[in-house]
Amino acid sequence: MSTPAPITVQTAFWLTLAPLLWAGNAVLGRVVAPWMPPITLNFVRWLLALVFLLPLAGWVLRPGSGLAQAWRRFAVLGLLGVGLYNALQYLALHTSTPLNVTLVGSSMPLWMLALGSLFFQVPATRRQLVGAVLSIAGVGVVLARGDLDQLAQFRLVPGDLYMLLATLSWAWYSWLLVRRDEPPAIRADWAAFLLAQVVFGLGWSGVMTGAEWALTDTHIEWSWALLAALLFIAIGPAVIAYRCWGLGVQQAGPTVAGFFGNLTPLFAAVLSALFLGEAPHLYHGVAFVLIVAGIWVSSVRS
């Protein structure tokens, strides 16, 4: 695998805008949790994204586009990036705050480095290892609530476990993005590339949504506020953020991009303070410093 190009201002912009939009997704996911069940929320979100993408790249669904030949690749990408990641995050938000969910997700660099070394023949550099240690330390600070004695008594709540699984799913998805095994015509069209994932992802999500309605007592409380939230998370955190993340990963590589993903807790803290009244504590500030330090150490070249 070729060495990623040095990070430019444009690449940094793509890799910063995506976490900002995902932070908004986490905050809104908490807001709408009483109105719509989590798996259903994920399905409706991507169904709306499909409607938005069809006019841009509907040709990819026609015979001869190459999608049928690459169905295995897009089935896996759809499962990891569309079906699992967001559904697990919305599940996590039922028992955790947006800030804690995004901070648990800050273990992303560790998963990126591990998967790259084990499966993609990309060994971790010393700087990346130091950056990962700093990021994980930031996660440890928030999980301990600023009290190291609590680490010995710490127990993961269901939301934390869901988010750890979501993070692993996203790390695997990000590494698969750089393999570029899809047909050239689909690869050259960002909307077609995303639409191909959404089509298969909706299949996975639809099965999970059916199970949710069959096995749990679910209901939807429709309102204009819910519709506005759905519209935002379908266009912003879904279509726009996925496009930005794909550009950033292709230009900087999955490992460095993973460190930028840790900006999400910083944005989530600000948005939570503004809209949910969940003001961050001092230990959150310490965690943010460690996370940003991990980004800087890992991305600055010798």
Foldseek 3Di string as FASTA:
>chain_A
DDAFDADDPLLLVLLQQLLLLVLVVLQVLLVCVVFFPLLVLLLLLLVVLLVVLCVVAVVCPDPPNQLVVCVVLLLLLLCLPRAQQRSLLSVLSVPDHSLLLLLLLLLLLVLLQVCCVPPVVDHDDPLSVLLNVLSVVLSVLVQCVNDPVCVVVGDDDSSSVSSVVSSNSVSVSLQSLQVPPGDPVCVVRLSSVLSSNSVSNSVSSVVVVVCCVVPHPTDGDDDPVVVVSSVSCSPRNRVSSVSSLSVSCNRNNSNLSSLSSSCSSVSSQVVCVVPVVPHDDPSNVSSVVSSVVSSVSRNDDD
